[in-house]
């Protein structure tokens, strides 16, 4: 049976090869354009078609003088067999943009197919007046030259695999939100990938848009005339914290790309027929994006402006206006709208002096999307009038800057009149918050019960005074005092250097995060497990080496570790663990268990504690 199958396969292969050889001389190459007349600024395509059987080994395109190359070479192929006659065709194309008016001739391209050289025909194109052409395109009127040589079926990976950072705004005011999407574009076969570096967003307060779908969703998108499979890697909302030209850091990844190779490089008959491939490691990162951040205008800035930027409304309520002294009431302030809500400070409300005020309880009901952060931020103040009387809570003024109108807006709440009656004498004072019953507390207990018991009796002459125990305890006092002084002195010396204190406590903080990660692992919460391990490692490194949060990135961490004599193996182990935790946010991690990641993180911290 095996001999029969092998014989049939060889017979079929021989037939196909014989057919291919028979029609090898039928190879034709032609050049054409999608439009023979275009306007300036208009995109069009020049296509090189290859019909017949043969492997393309090299392509040398013309210079494309007078046009800007937007993309290419883009490749497509087809294979047909009709009545036993096998044929194939292939096209290579470039996306061009007309820059200057005139009549042009695009010269022929040279192709090497199955060892023979072919040259296509030239094509003529007329460029008429169209839309304005960008200045940078004018400067490159000769066009961005494509690679002068494309080996085999491989194309330029950079044009087929890249990451774009897309910002919905590049010109904003300080404090105004903008959304940035990191998108992966590819039309090449990918075997594997790894995240190298997440952006740090220095100069911005960032809020990532949560995506609960663990799987990456691919969509088809045409970009600069070429079709790509596109996946969203990261969506984030940014609020610039200072004015000036701020640059978004790139997101870097490493891919394993599968490329077809020429069958002529292989002696394997199956490779010669079906073709073979090789996997190439390729690093990419998104291009930096510059955001122009304008300072908030000084003209018209209201007094008491606290930096709110967006579009807001404000409301205040009290849960009662008639009460007794020492009873609690709640004053709730709600700020609703869209903007930098999470950066708002607690408003300063001028309550009457006789109202005892406690720190406000903060409650956020916010949503994050590409349109920004919107929802309600609520401040609940607990107030207790201590005396009877009539009080008035004055209106609160709240100011914000609206970037849409480029004007400041000042809002005001209403005032509230309170009637406080005399409280019950000797009553205990409790604080009550309607938001949570657990907030009920005993604040004071001014009058205690009269002591009614007589206490213990003792025999006359058996007084504690003058006894041995009395003198021993008397001597303990000075000793304890001296010990306390020594202890206080040593405590102050040990805690004088806050950087050293932070470094000593680094492993304790990390241990808490790892303990939390262990609980999440036992509960089956894989995503939360990786988050806790990630936080534990980063907070440990920040505390241990006194690295500010804004500078806590892998490059700086590597520099600090290397400066302290940590060997390369341990640094690499740390980076691998951080990469695993970061990758777990996008896709399930394979090849290593969560317990192994946990042990790896724990051992890394222990080794750094030993060697640093």
Protein backbone atom coordinates (compact mmCIF):
# COMPACT_ATOMS: atom_id res chain seq x y z
CA UNK A 1 0.00 0.00 0.00
CA UNK A 2 2.83 2.40 0.96
CA UNK A 3 4.61 1.64 -2.30
CA UNK A 4 1.42 2.39 -4.21
CA UNK A 5 0.92 5.77 -2.49
CA UNK A 6 4.57 6.69 -2.96
CA UNK A 7 4.42 5.73 -6.62
CA UNK A 8 1.29 7.79 -7.20
CA UNK A 9 2.83 10.77 -5.40
CA UNK A 10 6.01 10.59 -7.46
CA UNK A 11 3.98 10.19 -10.65
CA UNK A 12 1.84 13.22 -9.81
CA UNK A 13 4.87 15.29 -8.81
CA UNK A 14 6.67 14.36 -12.03
CA UNK A 15 3.63 15.32 -14.04
CA UNK A 16 3.39 18.72 -12.39
CA UNK A 17 7.10 19.37 -12.76
CA UNK A 18 6.97 18.34 -16.36
CA UNK A 19 4.05 20.65 -16.92
CA UNK A 20 5.87 23.47 -15.11
CA UNK A 21 8.96 22.96 -17.26
CA UNK A 22 6.84 22.84 -20.37
CA UNK A 23 5.28 26.22 -19.63
CA UNK A 24 8.39 27.81 -18.04
CA UNK A 25 9.01 29.70 -21.19
CA UNK A 26 5.53 31.22 -21.07
CA UNK A 27 6.51 33.68 -18.37
CA UNK A 28 5.31 37.20 -19.05
CA UNK A 29 5.87 40.31 -17.01
CA UNK A 30 3.87 43.49 -17.49
CA UNK A 31 3.52 46.82 -15.70
CA UNK A 32 0.31 48.80 -15.34
CA UNK A 33 -1.15 51.63 -13.24
CA UNK A 34 -4.53 51.82 -11.55
CA UNK A 35 -5.11 55.28 -13.11
CA UNK A 36 -3.47 56.86 -16.13
CA UNK A 37 -4.37 60.38 -14.96
CA UNK A 38 -4.27 61.50 -11.31
CA UNK A 39 -4.32 64.75 -9.40
CA UNK A 40 -1.56 65.99 -7.12
CA UNK A 41 -1.96 64.48 -3.65
CA UNK A 42 -3.94 61.58 -5.10
CA UNK A 43 -2.91 57.98 -4.39
CA UNK A 44 -2.62 55.35 -7.09
CA UNK A 45 -1.02 51.98 -7.62
CA UNK A 46 1.58 50.68 -10.04
CA UNK A 47 1.28 46.93 -10.52
CA UNK A 48 3.82 44.42 -11.89
CA UNK A 49 2.07 41.24 -13.03
CA UNK A 50 3.92 37.97 -13.59
CA UNK A 51 2.11 35.14 -15.38
CA UNK A 52 3.45 31.64 -15.89
CA UNK A 53 5.39 29.26 -13.68
CA UNK A 54 8.53 30.38 -11.96
CA UNK A 55 9.93 31.67 -8.73
CA UNK A 56 10.65 35.36 -8.37
CA UNK A 57 14.17 35.68 -7.06
CA UNK A 58 14.66 39.43 -7.22
CA UNK A 59 12.85 42.64 -8.11
CA UNK A 60 14.54 45.94 -8.93
CA UNK A 61 11.91 48.68 -9.20
CA UNK A 62 12.39 51.94 -11.13
CA UNK A 63 13.24 55.18 -9.35
CA UNK A 64 9.66 56.55 -9.31
CA UNK A 65 10.95 60.10 -9.80
CA UNK A 66 8.17 62.65 -9.34
CA UNK A 67 6.16 60.46 -6.97
CA UNK A 68 6.20 59.62 -3.30
CA UNK A 69 6.22 55.94 -2.41
CA UNK A 70 3.61 55.30 0.30
CA UNK A 71 3.93 51.53 0.55
CA UNK A 72 5.07 48.39 -1.14
CA UNK A 73 6.02 46.08 -2.55
CA UNK A 74 2.66 44.44 -1.80
CA UNK A 75 2.43 40.89 -2.99
CA UNK A 76 -0.39 38.58 -4.09
CA UNK A 77 -0.45 35.30 -6.02
CA UNK A 78 -2.86 32.73 -7.49
CA UNK A 79 -2.54 29.13 -8.65
CA UNK A 80 -4.96 27.42 -11.08
CA UNK A 81 -5.19 24.08 -12.80
CA UNK A 82 -7.59 23.67 -15.75
CA UNK A 83 -7.81 20.40 -17.71
CA UNK A 84 -4.46 19.31 -16.33
CA UNK A 85 -2.77 22.55 -17.33
CA UNK A 86 -1.26 24.25 -14.32
CA UNK A 87 -0.57 27.98 -14.24
CA UNK A 88 0.16 30.60 -11.66
CA UNK A 89 0.26 34.36 -11.54
CA UNK A 90 1.68 36.87 -9.15
CA UNK A 91 1.53 40.63 -8.74
CA UNK A 92 3.86 43.01 -6.96
CA UNK A 93 2.60 46.55 -6.47
CA UNK A 94 3.64 49.89 -5.01
CA UNK A 95 1.36 52.59 -3.59
CA UNK A 96 2.36 56.01 -4.92
CA UNK A 97 1.23 59.60 -4.49
CA UNK A 98 1.49 62.21 -7.22
CA UNK A 99 3.45 65.23 -6.03
CA UNK A 100 3.84 67.61 -9.00
CA UNK A 101 1.86 68.28 -12.16
CA UNK A 102 3.23 67.05 -15.47
CA UNK A 103 3.59 64.08 -17.77
CA UNK A 104 5.70 61.26 -16.38
CA UNK A 105 7.02 57.93 -17.53
CA UNK A 106 7.63 55.26 -14.92
CA UNK A 107 10.41 53.05 -16.20
CA UNK A 108 10.28 49.30 -16.32
CA UNK A 109 11.11 47.11 -13.37
CA UNK A 110 13.65 44.31 -13.60
CA UNK A 111 12.78 40.88 -12.25
CA UNK A 112 14.81 37.72 -11.93
CA UNK A 113 12.55 34.68 -12.29
CA UNK A 114 13.92 31.16 -12.08
CA UNK A 115 17.37 32.43 -12.95
CA UNK A 116 16.31 34.49 -15.97
CA UNK A 117 16.08 38.26 -16.08
CA UNK A 118 12.92 39.97 -17.32
CA UNK A 119 12.04 43.62 -17.69
CA UNK A 120 8.57 45.08 -17.70
CA UNK A 121 7.27 47.76 -19.99
CA UNK A 122 7.30 51.44 -18.97
CA UNK A 123 4.01 53.17 -18.17
CA UNK A 124 2.96 56.76 -18.73
CA UNK A 125 0.90 58.79 -16.32
CA UNK A 126 -0.39 62.34 -16.37
CA UNK A 127 -0.55 64.37 -13.17
CA UNK A 128 -3.00 67.28 -13.09
CA UNK A 129 -3.71 69.84 -10.40
CA UNK A 130 -5.37 68.28 -7.37
CA UNK A 131 -5.18 68.76 -3.64
CA UNK A 132 -2.30 70.38 -1.79
CA UNK A 133 0.62 68.06 -1.12
CA UNK A 134 2.17 67.99 2.38
CA UNK A 135 5.45 69.87 2.68
CA UNK A 136 7.46 66.79 3.58
CA UNK A 137 6.17 65.11 0.44
CA UNK A 138 7.32 68.09 -1.64
CA UNK A 139 10.75 67.73 -0.16
CA UNK A 140 10.84 64.12 -1.24
CA UNK A 141 9.63 64.67 -4.75
CA UNK A 142 11.90 61.93 -5.82
CA UNK A 143 9.86 59.64 -3.63
CA UNK A 144 10.86 57.47 -0.70
CA UNK A 145 12.87 54.93 -2.52
CA UNK A 146 11.77 51.36 -1.95
CA UNK A 147 14.24 48.65 -1.23
CA UNK A 148 16.24 48.19 -4.35
CA UNK A 149 16.16 44.43 -4.08
CA UNK A 150 13.62 42.03 -2.67
CA UNK A 151 14.96 38.55 -2.19
CA UNK A 152 12.74 35.62 -3.15
CA UNK A 153 9.18 35.90 -1.86
CA UNK A 154 10.20 37.93 1.19
CA UNK A 155 9.14 41.55 1.37
CA UNK A 156 10.22 44.40 3.53
CA UNK A 157 9.02 43.44 7.01
CA UNK A 158 8.99 47.02 8.22
CA UNK A 159 6.25 47.85 5.73
CA UNK A 160 4.21 44.77 6.64
CA UNK A 161 4.55 44.78 10.40
CA UNK A 162 4.50 47.93 12.51
CA UNK A 163 2.89 49.57 15.55
CA UNK A 164 1.14 52.92 15.43
CA UNK A 165 0.39 55.18 18.38
CA UNK A 166 -2.79 56.99 17.38
CA UNK A 167 -3.73 60.04 19.46
CA UNK A 168 -7.17 61.57 19.01
CA UNK A 169 -5.64 64.99 19.81
CA UNK A 170 -2.13 66.37 19.50
CA UNK A 171 -2.86 69.96 20.53
CA UNK A 172 -4.41 70.22 24.00
CA UNK A 173 -4.46 72.36 27.12
CA UNK A 174 -2.74 71.34 30.33
CA UNK A 175 -5.14 69.04 32.17
CA UNK A 176 -7.23 68.31 29.06
CA UNK A 177 -7.70 64.62 28.38
CA UNK A 178 -6.65 62.86 25.20
CA UNK A 179 -6.90 59.22 24.17
CA UNK A 180 -4.07 57.20 22.67
CA UNK A 181 -4.47 53.82 20.98
CA UNK A 182 -1.50 51.57 20.26
CA UNK A 183 -2.41 49.45 17.22
CA UNK A 184 -0.53 46.58 15.62
CA UNK A 185 -0.63 46.39 11.80
CA UNK A 186 0.42 43.25 9.98
CA UNK A 187 -0.15 41.38 6.76
CA UNK A 188 2.62 38.87 7.34
CA UNK A 189 2.54 35.52 9.12
CA UNK A 190 3.50 35.79 12.79
CA UNK A 191 4.70 32.83 14.83
CA UNK A 192 5.25 34.36 18.26
CA UNK A 193 5.50 37.69 20.04
CA UNK A 194 6.76 39.22 23.26
CA UNK A 195 6.25 42.61 24.83
CA UNK A 196 9.54 44.46 25.31
CA UNK A 197 8.53 47.77 26.83
CA UNK A 198 5.37 49.59 27.77
CA UNK A 199 5.27 53.38 27.47
CA UNK A 200 6.08 55.34 30.64
CA UNK A 201 4.00 58.44 29.82
CA UNK A 202 6.29 60.84 31.66
CA UNK A 203 4.57 64.19 32.08
CA UNK A 204 1.11 62.66 31.90
CA UNK A 205 -1.36 61.26 34.40
CA UNK A 206 -2.60 58.11 32.73
CA UNK A 207 -5.72 55.99 33.01
CA UNK A 208 -5.82 52.76 31.02
CA UNK A 209 -9.12 51.75 29.45
CA UNK A 210 -9.88 48.31 30.82
CA UNK A 211 -10.50 45.48 28.40
CA UNK A 212 -11.96 42.40 30.01
CA UNK A 213 -11.61 40.31 26.86
CA UNK A 214 -8.42 38.23 27.24
CA UNK A 215 -8.31 37.48 23.51
CA UNK A 216 -6.89 39.86 20.93
CA UNK A 217 -9.48 40.84 18.34
CA UNK A 218 -8.29 41.35 14.78
CA UNK A 219 -9.95 43.63 12.28
CA UNK A 220 -9.17 44.50 8.68
CA UNK A 221 -8.10 48.07 7.96
CA UNK A 222 -6.71 49.84 4.91
CA UNK A 223 -3.81 52.11 5.79
CA UNK A 224 -1.99 54.18 3.17
CA UNK A 225 -3.53 52.11 0.41
CA UNK A 226 -2.64 48.68 1.86
CA UNK A 227 -4.83 46.25 3.76
CA UNK A 228 -3.69 45.05 7.15
CA UNK A 229 -4.92 42.90 9.98
CA UNK A 230 -5.09 45.28 12.91
CA UNK A 231 -5.22 44.57 16.64
CA UNK A 232 -5.55 47.08 19.45
CA UNK A 233 -2.71 46.55 21.93
CA UNK A 234 -3.45 49.27 24.43
CA UNK A 235 -5.93 52.10 24.91
CA UNK A 236 -5.18 54.79 27.42
CA UNK A 237 -6.42 58.21 28.48
CA UNK A 238 -3.79 60.81 29.26
CA UNK A 239 -3.96 64.12 31.11
CA UNK A 240 -0.86 66.33 30.60
CA UNK A 241 0.51 67.59 33.89
CA UNK A 242 2.66 70.35 32.42
CA UNK A 243 2.75 72.49 29.32
CA UNK A 244 5.21 72.25 26.43
CA UNK A 245 6.11 69.65 23.84
CA UNK A 246 5.56 66.24 25.46
CA UNK A 247 6.47 63.03 23.67
CA UNK A 248 4.64 59.75 24.08
CA UNK A 249 7.06 56.92 24.72
CA UNK A 250 7.03 54.07 22.21
CA UNK A 251 5.61 50.62 22.86
CA UNK A 252 8.16 47.98 21.86
CA UNK A 253 7.60 44.33 20.93
CA UNK A 254 9.57 41.45 19.45
CA UNK A 255 7.98 39.15 16.87
CA UNK A 256 8.94 35.89 15.26
CA UNK A 257 8.06 36.34 11.59
CA UNK A 258 7.69 33.46 9.15
CA UNK A 259 9.14 34.18 5.71
CA UNK A 260 9.08 32.18 2.52
CA UNK A 261 12.52 31.38 1.13
CA UNK A 262 13.55 30.53 -2.37
CA UNK A 263 13.20 26.87 -3.21
CA UNK A 264 16.52 27.14 -5.00
CA UNK A 265 18.21 27.26 -1.62
CA UNK A 266 16.97 23.81 -0.72
CA UNK A 267 17.76 20.37 -2.10
CA UNK A 268 14.62 18.91 -0.57
CA UNK A 269 12.30 17.96 -3.48
CA UNK A 270 9.23 18.73 -1.39
CA UNK A 271 10.67 22.17 -0.56
CA UNK A 272 11.37 22.72 -4.22
CA UNK A 273 7.74 22.08 -5.02
CA UNK A 274 5.87 23.41 -2.02
CA UNK A 275 8.41 26.04 -1.01
CA UNK A 276 10.03 26.39 2.41
CA UNK A 277 10.21 29.06 5.07
CA UNK A 278 12.36 30.49 7.83
CA UNK A 279 11.43 32.22 11.09
CA UNK A 280 13.05 35.60 11.65
CA UNK A 281 13.19 37.50 14.95
CA UNK A 282 12.11 41.08 14.44
CA UNK A 283 11.87 44.00 16.88
CA UNK A 284 9.50 46.90 16.34
CA UNK A 285 8.33 49.87 18.31
CA UNK A 286 5.82 52.59 17.73
CA UNK A 287 6.96 55.96 16.45
CA UNK A 288 7.08 58.70 19.11
CA UNK A 289 4.12 61.05 19.07
CA UNK A 290 4.57 64.66 20.15
CA UNK A 291 1.73 66.35 22.01
CA UNK A 292 1.67 70.13 22.08
CA UNK A 293 0.38 71.08 25.54
CA UNK A 294 -0.71 74.68 25.95
CA UNK A 295 -0.73 76.32 29.39
CA UNK A 296 -4.10 77.36 30.77
CA UNK A 297 -4.77 81.02 30.02
CA UNK A 298 -4.17 83.49 32.83
CA UNK A 299 -6.79 85.87 31.50
CA UNK A 300 -10.07 85.34 33.27
CA UNK A 301 -8.74 82.69 35.67
CA UNK A 302 -11.14 82.75 38.66
CA UNK A 303 -9.94 83.05 42.22
CA UNK A 304 -9.76 79.66 43.88
CA UNK A 305 -9.35 77.77 40.57
CA UNK A 306 -7.99 74.31 41.46
CA UNK A 307 -7.10 72.95 38.01
CA UNK A 308 -10.37 71.33 36.91
CA UNK A 309 -10.43 70.99 33.10
CA UNK A 310 -13.43 69.65 31.22
CA UNK A 311 -17.14 70.25 31.28
CA UNK A 312 -18.85 69.85 34.65
CA UNK A 313 -21.99 70.50 36.66
CA UNK A 314 -22.23 70.69 40.43
CA UNK A 315 -24.89 69.94 43.05
CA UNK A 316 -25.00 69.89 46.88
CA UNK A 317 -27.53 68.35 49.25
CA UNK A 318 -27.94 67.92 53.03
CA UNK A 319 -29.85 65.00 54.50
CA UNK A 320 -31.60 67.14 57.15
CA UNK A 321 -32.07 70.83 57.96
CA UNK A 322 -33.67 70.51 61.41
CA UNK A 323 -31.86 68.53 64.09
CA UNK A 324 -30.66 68.63 67.67
CA UNK A 325 -27.24 69.55 68.97
CA UNK A 326 -24.71 66.69 68.79
CA UNK A 327 -26.69 64.97 66.07
CA UNK A 328 -24.95 64.34 62.78
CA UNK A 329 -25.92 65.47 59.32
CA UNK A 330 -24.35 64.79 55.95
CA UNK A 331 -23.47 67.44 53.39
CA UNK A 332 -22.89 65.84 50.00
CA UNK A 333 -21.28 67.58 47.06
CA UNK A 334 -21.52 66.02 43.58
CA UNK A 335 -19.41 67.03 40.58
CA UNK A 336 -20.67 65.48 37.36
CA UNK A 337 -19.35 65.68 33.82
CA UNK A 338 -16.27 64.72 31.80
CA UNK A 339 -12.68 65.79 32.25
CA UNK A 340 -9.90 65.29 34.76
CA UNK A 341 -12.32 64.19 37.49
CA UNK A 342 -9.78 61.91 39.15
CA UNK A 343 -7.35 64.79 39.59
CA UNK A 344 -9.83 67.06 41.37
CA UNK A 345 -8.99 68.11 44.90
CA UNK A 346 -11.62 68.07 47.61
CA UNK A 347 -13.38 71.47 47.43
CA UNK A 348 -13.00 73.72 50.45
CA UNK A 349 -16.45 74.38 51.90
CA UNK A 350 -16.80 77.20 54.42
CA UNK A 351 -18.94 75.61 57.09
CA UNK A 352 -20.03 77.60 60.20
CA UNK A 353 -17.47 77.43 62.99
CA UNK A 354 -19.87 75.69 65.38
CA UNK A 355 -20.27 72.78 63.00
CA UNK A 356 -17.70 70.11 63.66
CA UNK A 357 -16.44 68.86 60.28
CA UNK A 358 -14.76 65.58 59.37
CA UNK A 359 -12.70 64.76 56.29
CA UNK A 360 -14.95 64.06 53.31
CA UNK A 361 -15.64 60.54 52.14
CA UNK A 362 -14.84 60.20 48.43
CA UNK A 363 -16.97 58.09 46.07
CA UNK A 364 -16.32 57.82 42.33
CA UNK A 365 -18.80 56.57 39.76
CA UNK A 366 -16.68 57.00 36.64
CA UNK A 367 -16.30 55.35 33.26
CA UNK A 368 -13.30 55.45 30.97
CA UNK A 369 -13.55 55.36 27.19
CA UNK A 370 -11.80 56.83 24.18
CA UNK A 371 -13.98 59.89 24.73
CA UNK A 372 -12.33 60.44 28.11
CA UNK A 373 -13.26 60.02 31.77
CA UNK A 374 -16.85 60.84 32.64
CA UNK A 375 -19.24 60.29 35.52
CA UNK A 376 -19.67 61.66 39.03
CA UNK A 377 -17.27 62.33 41.87
CA UNK A 378 -19.00 62.67 45.23
CA UNK A 379 -17.65 64.22 48.45
CA UNK A 380 -19.66 63.41 51.61
CA UNK A 381 -18.89 65.66 54.61
CA UNK A 382 -19.99 64.60 58.08
CA UNK A 383 -21.08 67.60 60.20
CA UNK A 384 -22.06 67.78 63.86
CA UNK A 385 -23.48 70.98 65.39
CA UNK A 386 -22.32 71.26 68.99
CA UNK A 387 -24.69 74.01 70.06
CA UNK A 388 -28.27 74.95 69.41
CA UNK A 389 -29.00 77.84 67.08
CA UNK A 390 -29.59 78.75 63.46
CA UNK A 391 -26.76 78.20 60.99
CA UNK A 392 -26.27 78.80 57.29
CA UNK A 393 -24.00 76.80 55.01
CA UNK A 394 -22.84 79.31 52.40
CA UNK A 395 -22.89 78.46 48.67
CA UNK A 396 -19.80 76.72 47.30
CA UNK A 397 -18.15 78.13 44.20
CA UNK A 398 -16.48 75.69 41.81
CA UNK A 399 -14.47 76.83 38.78
CA UNK A 400 -13.21 74.89 35.80
CA UNK A 401 -11.71 75.54 32.39
CA UNK A 402 -13.69 74.35 29.38
CA UNK A 403 -11.22 73.57 26.53
CA UNK A 404 -14.05 73.47 23.98
CA UNK A 405 -15.02 77.09 24.58
CA UNK A 406 -11.54 78.04 25.85
CA UNK A 407 -13.17 79.88 28.75
CA UNK A 408 -13.34 79.56 32.50
CA UNK A 409 -16.70 78.72 34.06
CA UNK A 410 -17.70 79.27 37.69
CA UNK A 411 -20.61 77.33 39.18
CA UNK A 412 -22.27 77.78 42.55
CA UNK A 413 -24.35 75.55 44.80
CA UNK A 414 -27.28 76.73 46.85
CA UNK A 415 -27.11 77.72 50.53
CA UNK A 416 -28.67 75.68 53.31
CA UNK A 417 -30.29 76.98 56.54
CA UNK A 418 -30.02 74.69 59.56
CA UNK A 419 -32.15 74.83 62.71
CA UNK A 420 -30.42 73.15 65.60
CA UNK A 421 -32.43 72.54 68.75
CA UNK A 422 -31.02 71.90 72.19
CA UNK A 423 -29.69 68.37 72.50
CA UNK A 424 -30.60 65.88 75.25
CA UNK A 425 -28.28 66.38 78.31
CA UNK A 426 -25.71 63.70 78.81
CA UNK A 427 -26.53 62.04 75.54
CA UNK A 428 -23.73 60.23 73.79
CA UNK A 429 -22.63 61.76 70.52
CA UNK A 430 -22.57 59.56 67.51
CA UNK A 431 -21.55 60.30 63.97
CA UNK A 432 -23.80 58.90 61.31
CA UNK A 433 -23.11 58.51 57.63
CA UNK A 434 -25.95 57.30 55.49
CA UNK A 435 -23.49 55.88 52.99
CA UNK A 436 -22.33 53.03 55.18
CA UNK A 437 -23.61 51.77 58.51
CA UNK A 438 -20.12 50.70 59.46
CA UNK A 439 -19.21 54.38 59.70
CA UNK A 440 -21.23 54.74 62.95
CA UNK A 441 -18.74 55.59 65.68
CA UNK A 442 -18.77 56.53 69.33
CA UNK A 443 -17.22 59.99 69.37
CA UNK A 444 -17.36 60.85 73.08
CA UNK A 445 -18.66 59.64 76.40
CA UNK A 446 -18.47 62.69 78.59
CA UNK A 447 -20.37 61.43 81.66
CA UNK A 448 -19.62 58.03 83.08
CA UNK A 449 -21.61 55.99 85.52
CA UNK A 450 -21.19 56.58 89.30
CA UNK A 451 -19.04 53.88 90.79
CA UNK A 452 -21.27 51.71 92.97
CA UNK A 453 -18.99 48.84 94.05
CA UNK A 454 -16.68 49.09 97.11
CA UNK A 455 -13.59 47.53 95.50
CA UNK A 456 -11.32 44.92 97.13
CA UNK A 457 -10.60 44.65 100.94
CA UNK A 458 -7.23 43.93 102.49
CA UNK A 459 -5.95 43.12 105.96
CA UNK A 460 -4.55 45.96 108.10
CA UNK A 461 -0.71 45.97 108.21
CA UNK A 462 -0.34 44.06 104.95
CA UNK A 463 0.13 47.20 102.91
CA UNK A 464 2.03 47.02 99.66
CA UNK A 465 4.03 50.09 100.65
CA UNK A 466 7.36 49.14 102.23
CA UNK A 467 7.27 45.60 100.92
CA UNK A 468 10.05 44.02 98.83
CA UNK A 469 7.91 44.15 95.73
CA UNK A 470 7.36 47.86 96.34
CA UNK A 471 11.12 48.61 96.38
CA UNK A 472 11.80 46.39 93.38
CA UNK A 473 9.15 48.17 91.37
CA UNK A 474 10.51 51.49 92.61
CA UNK A 475 13.91 50.61 91.18
CA UNK A 476 12.40 49.51 87.88
CA UNK A 477 11.17 53.01 87.14
CA UNK A 478 14.60 54.66 86.53
CA UNK A 479 15.83 51.59 84.64
CA UNK A 480 12.84 51.64 82.35
CA UNK A 481 13.27 55.37 81.83
CA UNK A 482 16.95 54.96 80.87
CA UNK A 483 16.04 52.11 78.56
CA UNK A 484 13.38 54.24 76.92
CA UNK A 485 15.91 57.03 76.32
CA UNK A 486 18.36 54.62 74.70
CA UNK A 487 15.62 53.11 72.61
CA UNK A 488 14.39 56.52 71.46
CA UNK A 489 17.90 57.63 70.51
CA UNK A 490 18.53 54.50 68.52
CA UNK A 491 15.11 54.71 66.89
CA UNK A 492 15.72 58.29 65.78
CA UNK A 493 19.17 57.44 64.39
CA UNK A 494 17.82 54.49 62.46
CA UNK A 495 14.95 56.46 60.99
CA UNK A 496 16.76 59.71 60.28
CA UNK A 497 17.59 58.63 56.72
CA UNK A 498 14.20 58.07 55.09
CA UNK A 499 15.80 56.65 51.95
CA UNK A 500 17.51 53.97 54.04
CA UNK A 501 14.27 53.27 55.91
CA UNK A 502 12.46 52.85 52.60
CA UNK A 503 15.14 50.48 51.40
CA UNK A 504 15.01 48.40 54.59
CA UNK A 505 11.26 48.06 54.37
CA UNK A 506 11.24 47.27 50.63
CA UNK A 507 11.20 43.52 51.09
CA UNK A 508 8.37 43.75 53.65
CA UNK A 509 6.19 45.70 51.19
CA UNK A 510 7.04 43.24 48.44
CA UNK A 511 6.17 40.34 50.77
CA UNK A 512 2.67 41.80 51.28
CA UNK A 513 2.11 41.99 47.52
CA UNK A 514 3.39 38.46 47.01
CA UNK A 515 1.13 37.22 49.83
CA UNK A 516 -1.80 38.86 48.07
CA UNK A 517 -0.68 37.28 44.78
CA UNK A 518 -0.62 33.88 46.50
CA UNK A 519 -4.23 34.35 47.65
CA UNK A 520 -5.30 35.32 44.12
CA UNK A 521 -3.53 32.25 42.75
CA UNK A 522 -5.35 29.96 45.19
CA UNK A 523 -8.64 31.66 44.28
CA UNK A 524 -7.99 31.09 40.57
CA UNK A 525 -7.80 34.83 39.80
CA UNK A 526 -4.94 34.63 37.30
CA UNK A 527 -5.14 38.23 36.07
CA UNK A 528 -5.12 39.64 39.61
CA UNK A 529 -2.27 37.25 40.47
CA UNK A 530 -0.05 38.69 37.74
CA UNK A 531 -1.02 42.25 38.73
CA UNK A 532 0.04 41.66 42.34
CA UNK A 533 3.35 40.09 41.32
CA UNK A 534 3.96 42.99 38.92
CA UNK A 535 3.17 45.61 41.61
CA UNK A 536 5.26 43.78 44.19
CA UNK A 537 8.35 43.70 41.97
CA UNK A 538 8.07 47.31 40.85
CA UNK A 539 7.38 48.70 44.34
CA UNK A 540 10.21 46.65 45.76
CA UNK A 541 12.66 47.97 43.17
CA UNK A 542 11.45 51.55 43.64
CA UNK A 543 11.83 51.37 47.43
CA UNK A 544 15.03 49.37 47.44
CA UNK A 545 16.93 51.62 45.04
CA UNK A 546 15.10 54.88 45.76
CA UNK A 547 13.74 55.26 42.24
CA UNK A 548 10.93 57.75 41.80
CA UNK A 549 7.73 56.39 40.31
CA UNK A 550 8.10 58.57 37.21
CA UNK A 551 11.54 57.08 36.53
CA UNK A 552 10.63 53.49 37.32
CA UNK A 553 11.19 51.82 33.97
CA UNK A 554 13.16 48.77 32.94
CA UNK A 555 16.06 50.71 31.48
CA UNK A 556 16.56 52.65 34.71
CA UNK A 557 16.09 49.51 36.81
CA UNK A 558 18.75 47.71 34.76
CA UNK A 559 21.14 50.63 35.23
CA UNK A 560 20.59 50.73 39.00
CA UNK A 561 21.01 46.97 39.40
CA UNK A 562 24.12 46.92 37.26
CA UNK A 563 25.62 49.81 39.28
CA UNK A 564 25.14 47.78 42.46
CA UNK A 565 26.97 44.79 41.09
CA UNK A 566 23.98 42.59 40.35
CA UNK A 567 25.00 40.01 37.77
CA UNK A 568 23.49 39.85 34.31
CA UNK A 569 21.77 36.53 34.96
CA UNK A 570 19.72 37.94 37.82
CA UNK A 571 18.86 41.12 35.87
CA UNK A 572 17.66 39.04 32.95
CA UNK A 573 15.62 36.83 35.28
CA UNK A 574 13.95 39.93 36.71
CA UNK A 575 13.16 41.34 33.26
CA UNK A 576 11.71 38.02 32.12
CA UNK A 577 9.41 37.92 35.14
CA UNK A 578 8.25 41.50 34.51
CA UNK A 579 7.66 40.69 30.84
CA UNK A 580 5.56 37.66 31.78
CA UNK A 581 3.41 39.76 34.09
CA UNK A 582 2.95 42.40 31.39
CA UNK A 583 2.13 39.85 28.71
CA UNK A 584 -0.48 38.24 30.97
CA UNK A 585 -2.55 41.41 30.55
CA UNK A 586 -2.99 40.69 26.85
CA UNK A 587 -3.06 36.94 26.46
CA UNK A 588 -2.75 33.78 28.53
CA UNK A 589 0.84 32.94 29.37
CA UNK A 590 1.98 29.56 28.17
CA UNK A 591 5.05 27.49 28.84
CA UNK A 592 5.33 28.41 32.51
CA UNK A 593 2.94 27.95 35.41
CA UNK A 594 1.76 30.70 37.75
CA UNK A 595 3.50 28.94 40.65
CA UNK A 596 6.77 29.04 38.72
CA UNK A 597 6.29 32.77 38.06
CA UNK A 598 5.60 33.28 41.78
CA UNK A 599 8.71 31.33 42.80
CA UNK A 600 10.75 33.21 40.22
CA UNK A 601 9.66 36.60 41.57
CA UNK A 602 10.27 35.52 45.19
CA UNK A 603 13.73 34.12 44.43
CA UNK A 604 14.65 37.24 42.48
CA UNK A 605 13.84 39.47 45.46
CA UNK A 606 15.72 37.19 47.83
CA UNK A 607 18.81 37.20 45.60
CA UNK A 608 18.75 40.97 45.23
CA UNK A 609 18.46 41.29 49.04
CA UNK A 610 21.51 39.04 49.37
CA UNK A 611 23.68 40.63 46.69
CA UNK A 612 22.67 44.33 46.61
